[in-house]
């Protein structure tokens, strides 16, 4: 499988000098580490969130975040106006319809993101536990196709290959695998959702499935359901809230997907 893998990784990596210790041997080496930077998201000039993210595929990230967080309901409601690089990070300025902006203001959601936390700083439990939409029907997928997608995902992570420690989210469809990477698993999925919304319209969310190099958390499942993806496959463990959310959404959640094995926790009808 292959599809639209980002080649430009210059902004996402930084060269560092490291002391390598192997037993009694000490030597200096050049290394490359993944960049983690504050990325501010602003709508109609007003700040909404700051996420710690990898500064790569930022246009996809801005759109995907807006879609997965319910800030807009469709690609047509979103326009990235400007990307401003400053010493402390990057600001993504977007324009959204006034009605969406008014609803956003009403939510009063102040959010400071971390690479490992997509819910940090939410002001109330009610805001954190937003209703999850129901996903529609989608074709059953064979375990062989899932295995092939996971193999392809491992081969299409240039940032991880150069630095290690980078998450990836991939959407497997009839034409290949669309992949995005980020230091944060939620950010990688947001980038992927943005890429899907901007990609060939023939690649619909209900025409494939998600594979992700992380545990299956509540936010991973919620974002996938909001995007209309009916099958999520994670290589690591699920949380109980992720399973309950998947069950409510009608979404098929599989985890511990390694080699020929996986565990299916909800709605197994999508796996043949």
Protein backbone atom coordinates (compact mmCIF):
# COMPACT_ATOMS: atom_id res chain seq x y z
CA UNK A 1 0.00 0.00 0.00
CA UNK A 2 1.13 3.56 -0.66
CA UNK A 3 -0.53 6.93 -0.79
CA UNK A 4 0.41 10.57 -0.26
CA UNK A 5 3.18 10.13 2.32
CA UNK A 6 4.72 13.43 3.35
CA UNK A 7 8.31 13.75 2.13
CA UNK A 8 9.22 17.15 3.53
CA UNK A 9 10.31 16.49 7.10
CA UNK A 10 12.80 19.34 7.54
CA UNK A 11 10.62 21.36 9.92
CA UNK A 12 9.73 18.29 11.96
CA UNK A 13 13.26 17.21 12.90
CA UNK A 14 16.17 18.87 14.70
CA UNK A 15 19.81 17.82 14.68
CA UNK A 16 21.38 17.30 18.10
CA UNK A 17 24.69 16.04 19.42
CA UNK A 18 24.41 13.10 21.79
CA UNK A 19 26.74 11.04 23.96
CA UNK A 20 26.16 7.37 23.27
CA UNK A 21 27.05 4.90 26.01
CA UNK A 22 27.34 1.19 25.24
CA UNK A 23 28.71 -0.59 28.25
CA UNK A 24 32.14 0.91 28.92
CA UNK A 25 32.30 2.62 25.52
CA UNK A 26 31.46 6.34 25.25
CA UNK A 27 31.19 8.11 21.90
CA UNK A 28 29.61 11.24 20.46
CA UNK A 29 27.08 10.97 17.67
CA UNK A 30 24.84 13.20 15.59
CA UNK A 31 21.18 12.43 16.15
CA UNK A 32 17.83 13.74 14.93
CA UNK A 33 14.95 14.32 17.31
CA UNK A 34 11.31 15.04 16.60
CA UNK A 35 10.24 18.66 17.04
CA UNK A 36 7.53 19.38 19.60
CA UNK A 37 6.22 22.94 19.43
CA UNK A 38 3.26 24.94 20.72
CA UNK A 39 0.69 25.30 17.95
CA UNK A 40 -2.05 27.85 18.67
CA UNK A 41 -5.42 27.51 16.96
CA UNK A 42 -7.36 30.73 16.48
CA UNK A 43 -10.82 31.19 14.97
CA UNK A 44 -11.95 34.56 13.60
CA UNK A 45 -9.04 36.14 15.45
CA UNK A 46 -9.87 34.61 18.86
CA UNK A 47 -7.56 32.01 20.48
CA UNK A 48 -9.14 28.65 21.27
CA UNK A 49 -6.45 26.06 21.99
CA UNK A 50 -2.72 25.50 22.18
CA UNK A 51 -1.57 22.01 21.30
CA UNK A 52 1.93 20.60 21.58
CA UNK A 53 2.44 19.19 18.10
CA UNK A 54 4.94 18.44 15.37
CA UNK A 55 5.08 21.36 12.87
CA UNK A 56 4.38 19.26 9.80
CA UNK A 57 1.11 18.89 7.79
CA UNK A 58 -0.23 21.87 9.74
CA UNK A 59 -2.95 22.68 7.22
CA UNK A 60 -4.29 19.15 7.63
CA UNK A 61 -4.00 19.52 11.40
CA UNK A 62 -5.93 22.79 11.51
CA UNK A 63 -8.79 21.42 9.42
CA UNK A 64 -8.86 18.02 11.10
CA UNK A 65 -8.91 19.53 14.59
CA UNK A 66 -11.80 21.81 13.65
CA UNK A 67 -13.76 18.87 12.24
CA UNK A 68 -13.01 16.36 14.99
CA UNK A 69 -13.78 18.87 17.74
CA UNK A 70 -17.10 19.83 16.15
CA UNK A 71 -16.03 23.43 15.60
CA UNK A 72 -17.19 23.10 11.99
CA UNK A 73 -19.31 20.39 10.41
CA UNK A 74 -17.85 20.37 6.90
CA UNK A 75 -14.71 21.26 4.96
CA UNK A 76 -16.55 24.12 3.28
CA UNK A 77 -17.04 25.89 6.61
CA UNK A 78 -13.31 26.18 7.27
CA UNK A 79 -10.63 28.40 5.75
CA UNK A 80 -7.04 28.59 6.96
CA UNK A 81 -6.23 32.28 6.63
CA UNK A 82 -2.64 32.44 7.85
CA UNK A 83 0.17 30.45 9.44
CA UNK A 84 2.34 32.67 11.62
CA UNK A 85 5.74 31.45 12.84
CA UNK A 86 7.01 33.18 15.97
CA UNK A 87 9.89 32.47 18.33
CA UNK A 88 7.67 30.61 20.80
CA UNK A 89 5.69 28.52 18.32
CA UNK A 90 3.20 28.66 15.48
CA UNK A 91 -0.22 30.30 15.23
CA UNK A 92 -2.83 28.90 12.84
CA UNK A 93 -5.46 31.53 12.01
CA UNK A 94 -8.72 30.17 10.62
CA UNK A 95 -11.99 31.71 9.52
CA UNK A 96 -15.29 29.99 10.31
CA UNK A 97 -18.94 31.07 9.82
CA UNK A 98 -20.31 33.46 12.44
CA UNK A 99 -22.86 30.92 13.67
CA UNK A 100 -20.09 28.39 14.31
CA UNK A 101 -18.00 31.03 16.06
CA UNK A 102 -20.93 32.01 18.29
CA UNK A 103 -21.46 28.35 19.23
CA UNK A 104 -17.74 28.02 19.96
CA UNK A 105 -17.82 31.01 22.26
CA UNK A 106 -20.80 29.53 24.06
CA UNK A 107 -18.87 26.36 24.78
CA UNK A 108 -16.31 28.42 26.73
CA UNK A 109 -13.77 25.71 26.24
CA UNK A 110 -10.28 26.74 27.36
CA UNK A 111 -7.85 24.02 26.36
CA UNK A 112 -4.11 23.73 26.75
CA UNK A 113 -2.99 20.54 25.01
CA UNK A 114 -0.11 18.25 25.70
CA UNK A 115 1.33 15.61 23.38
CA UNK A 116 -0.10 12.89 25.63
CA UNK A 117 -3.36 14.56 26.60
CA UNK A 118 -6.14 15.75 24.36
CA UNK A 119 -8.47 16.80 27.19
CA UNK A 120 -6.14 18.84 29.43
CA UNK A 121 -7.68 22.06 30.68
CA UNK A 122 -11.30 21.49 29.75
CA UNK A 123 -13.40 23.55 32.10
CA UNK A 124 -16.11 21.03 33.01
CA UNK A 125 -16.86 17.31 32.96
CA UNK A 126 -19.85 18.00 30.74
CA UNK A 127 -17.63 19.71 28.17
CA UNK A 128 -15.19 16.79 28.27
CA UNK A 129 -17.89 14.17 27.67
CA UNK A 130 -19.51 15.47 24.51
CA UNK A 131 -22.19 13.27 22.87
CA UNK A 132 -20.72 10.87 20.33
CA UNK A 133 -22.39 10.59 16.90
CA UNK A 134 -23.47 7.25 15.49
CA UNK A 135 -21.41 5.99 12.58
CA UNK A 136 -23.14 4.57 9.56
CA UNK A 137 -22.83 1.16 7.99
CA UNK A 138 -19.57 0.20 6.33
CA UNK A 139 -18.29 -2.95 4.59
CA UNK A 140 -16.73 -5.80 6.54
CA UNK A 141 -12.92 -5.95 6.46
CA UNK A 142 -10.86 -9.14 6.47
CA UNK A 143 -8.20 -9.76 9.07
CA UNK A 144 -5.72 -10.13 6.20
CA UNK A 145 -6.49 -6.60 5.02
CA UNK A 146 -6.04 -5.28 8.54
CA UNK A 147 -2.68 -7.05 8.80
CA UNK A 148 -1.59 -5.59 5.44
CA UNK A 149 -2.60 -2.10 6.56
CA UNK A 150 -0.59 -2.41 9.77
CA UNK A 151 2.43 -3.62 7.80
CA UNK A 152 2.10 -0.68 5.42
CA UNK A 153 1.70 1.73 8.31
CA UNK A 154 4.99 0.56 9.82
CA UNK A 155 6.68 1.21 6.46
CA UNK A 156 5.21 4.69 5.89
CA UNK A 157 6.49 6.60 8.90
CA UNK A 158 9.47 8.68 7.73
CA UNK A 159 9.57 10.84 10.85
CA UNK A 160 9.50 7.84 13.15
CA UNK A 161 12.17 6.08 11.09
CA UNK A 162 14.49 9.07 11.49
CA UNK A 163 13.78 9.94 15.11
CA UNK A 164 11.71 7.28 16.91
CA UNK A 165 8.87 8.02 19.28
CA UNK A 166 6.42 9.42 16.72
CA UNK A 167 2.82 8.27 16.42
CA UNK A 168 1.10 7.62 13.11
CA UNK A 169 -2.52 7.35 12.01
CA UNK A 170 -3.41 5.72 8.71
CA UNK A 171 -6.63 5.41 6.73
CA UNK A 172 -6.78 2.23 4.68
CA UNK A 173 -8.92 2.51 1.57
CA UNK A 174 -9.22 0.81 -1.81
CA UNK A 175 -6.41 2.88 -3.32
CA UNK A 176 -3.84 2.55 -0.54
CA UNK A 177 -3.02 3.99 2.85
CA UNK A 178 -3.15 7.68 3.73
CA UNK A 179 -0.77 8.40 6.65
CA UNK A 180 0.00 11.32 8.92
CA UNK A 181 2.52 11.49 11.78
CA UNK A 182 2.89 13.57 14.93
CA UNK A 183 4.48 13.44 18.35
CA UNK A 184 0.93 13.22 19.76
CA UNK A 185 -1.43 10.43 18.78
CA UNK A 186 -4.48 12.75 18.84
CA UNK A 187 -2.65 15.23 16.62
CA UNK A 188 -1.73 12.49 14.13
CA UNK A 189 -5.40 11.55 13.88
CA UNK A 190 -6.47 15.18 13.48
CA UNK A 191 -3.96 15.57 10.65
CA UNK A 192 -5.33 12.43 9.02
CA UNK A 193 -8.94 13.62 9.33
CA UNK A 194 -7.92 16.92 7.76
CA UNK A 195 -6.11 15.13 4.95
CA UNK A 196 -9.16 12.96 4.31
CA UNK A 197 -11.41 16.00 4.11
CA UNK A 198 -9.04 17.67 1.64
CA UNK A 199 -8.27 14.54 -0.39
CA UNK A 200 -10.00 12.86 -3.30
CA UNK A 201 -13.75 13.03 -2.56
CA UNK A 202 -13.99 9.37 -3.59
CA UNK A 203 -12.15 8.44 -0.39
CA UNK A 204 -15.07 8.58 2.02
CA UNK A 205 -14.64 7.88 5.76
CA UNK A 206 -17.07 4.96 5.48
CA UNK A 207 -15.03 3.38 2.66
CA UNK A 208 -12.09 2.27 4.82
CA UNK A 209 -10.76 1.99 8.34
CA UNK A 210 -8.34 3.60 10.78
CA UNK A 211 -5.08 2.05 11.97
CA UNK A 212 -3.16 3.83 14.70
CA UNK A 213 0.15 3.28 16.49
CA UNK A 214 -1.08 3.91 20.00
CA UNK A 215 -3.53 2.81 22.62
CA UNK A 216 -7.21 3.32 21.87
CA UNK A 217 -8.31 6.17 24.12
CA UNK A 218 -11.68 7.88 24.44
CA UNK A 219 -10.57 10.77 22.25
CA UNK A 220 -9.27 8.53 19.48
CA UNK A 221 -12.65 6.79 19.30
CA UNK A 222 -14.63 10.03 19.61
CA UNK A 223 -12.64 11.77 16.86
CA UNK A 224 -12.97 8.74 14.55
CA UNK A 225 -16.73 8.55 15.11
CA UNK A 226 -17.11 12.30 14.51
CA UNK A 227 -15.27 11.85 11.21
CA UNK A 228 -17.58 8.98 10.24
CA UNK A 229 -14.99 6.18 10.46
CA UNK A 230 -16.64 2.92 11.50
CA UNK A 231 -13.63 0.72 12.28
CA UNK A 232 -10.66 1.65 14.49
CA UNK A 233 -7.68 -0.68 14.86
CA UNK A 234 -5.03 0.14 17.49
CA UNK A 235 -1.80 -1.70 18.11
CA UNK A 236 -1.99 -1.17 21.87
CA UNK A 237 -4.62 -1.44 24.60
CA UNK A 238 -8.05 0.21 24.73
CA UNK A 239 -9.45 2.04 27.72
CA UNK A 240 -12.81 1.15 29.23
CA UNK A 241 -14.22 4.55 28.22
CA UNK A 242 -13.03 4.04 24.64
CA UNK A 243 -14.87 0.71 24.52
CA UNK A 244 -18.07 2.19 25.98
CA UNK A 245 -17.88 5.14 23.58
CA UNK A 246 -17.34 2.83 20.60
CA UNK A 247 -20.30 0.74 21.66
CA UNK A 248 -22.57 3.81 21.88
CA UNK A 249 -21.37 5.09 18.50
CA UNK A 250 -21.89 1.79 16.71
CA UNK A 251 -18.16 1.76 15.96
CA UNK A 252 -16.03 -1.36 15.74
CA UNK A 253 -13.02 -1.11 18.04
CA UNK A 254 -10.12 -3.56 17.75
CA UNK A 255 -6.89 -3.37 19.73
CA UNK A 256 -3.72 -5.32 20.49
CA UNK A 257 -3.49 -5.72 16.71
CA UNK A 258 -0.13 -7.35 16.12
CA UNK A 259 0.69 -9.86 13.40
CA UNK A 260 -2.28 -12.17 12.88
CA UNK A 261 -3.94 -11.45 16.21
CA UNK A 262 -6.26 -8.73 17.51
CA UNK A 263 -9.01 -8.32 20.09
CA UNK A 264 -12.39 -6.93 19.02
CA UNK A 265 -14.22 -5.04 21.77
CA UNK A 266 -17.36 -3.71 20.08
CA UNK A 267 -19.55 -4.31 17.03
CA UNK A 268 -17.52 -7.16 15.52
CA UNK A 269 -19.67 -7.35 12.38
CA UNK A 270 -17.24 -5.14 10.46
CA UNK A 271 -14.42 -7.69 10.73
CA UNK A 272 -14.83 -10.74 8.49
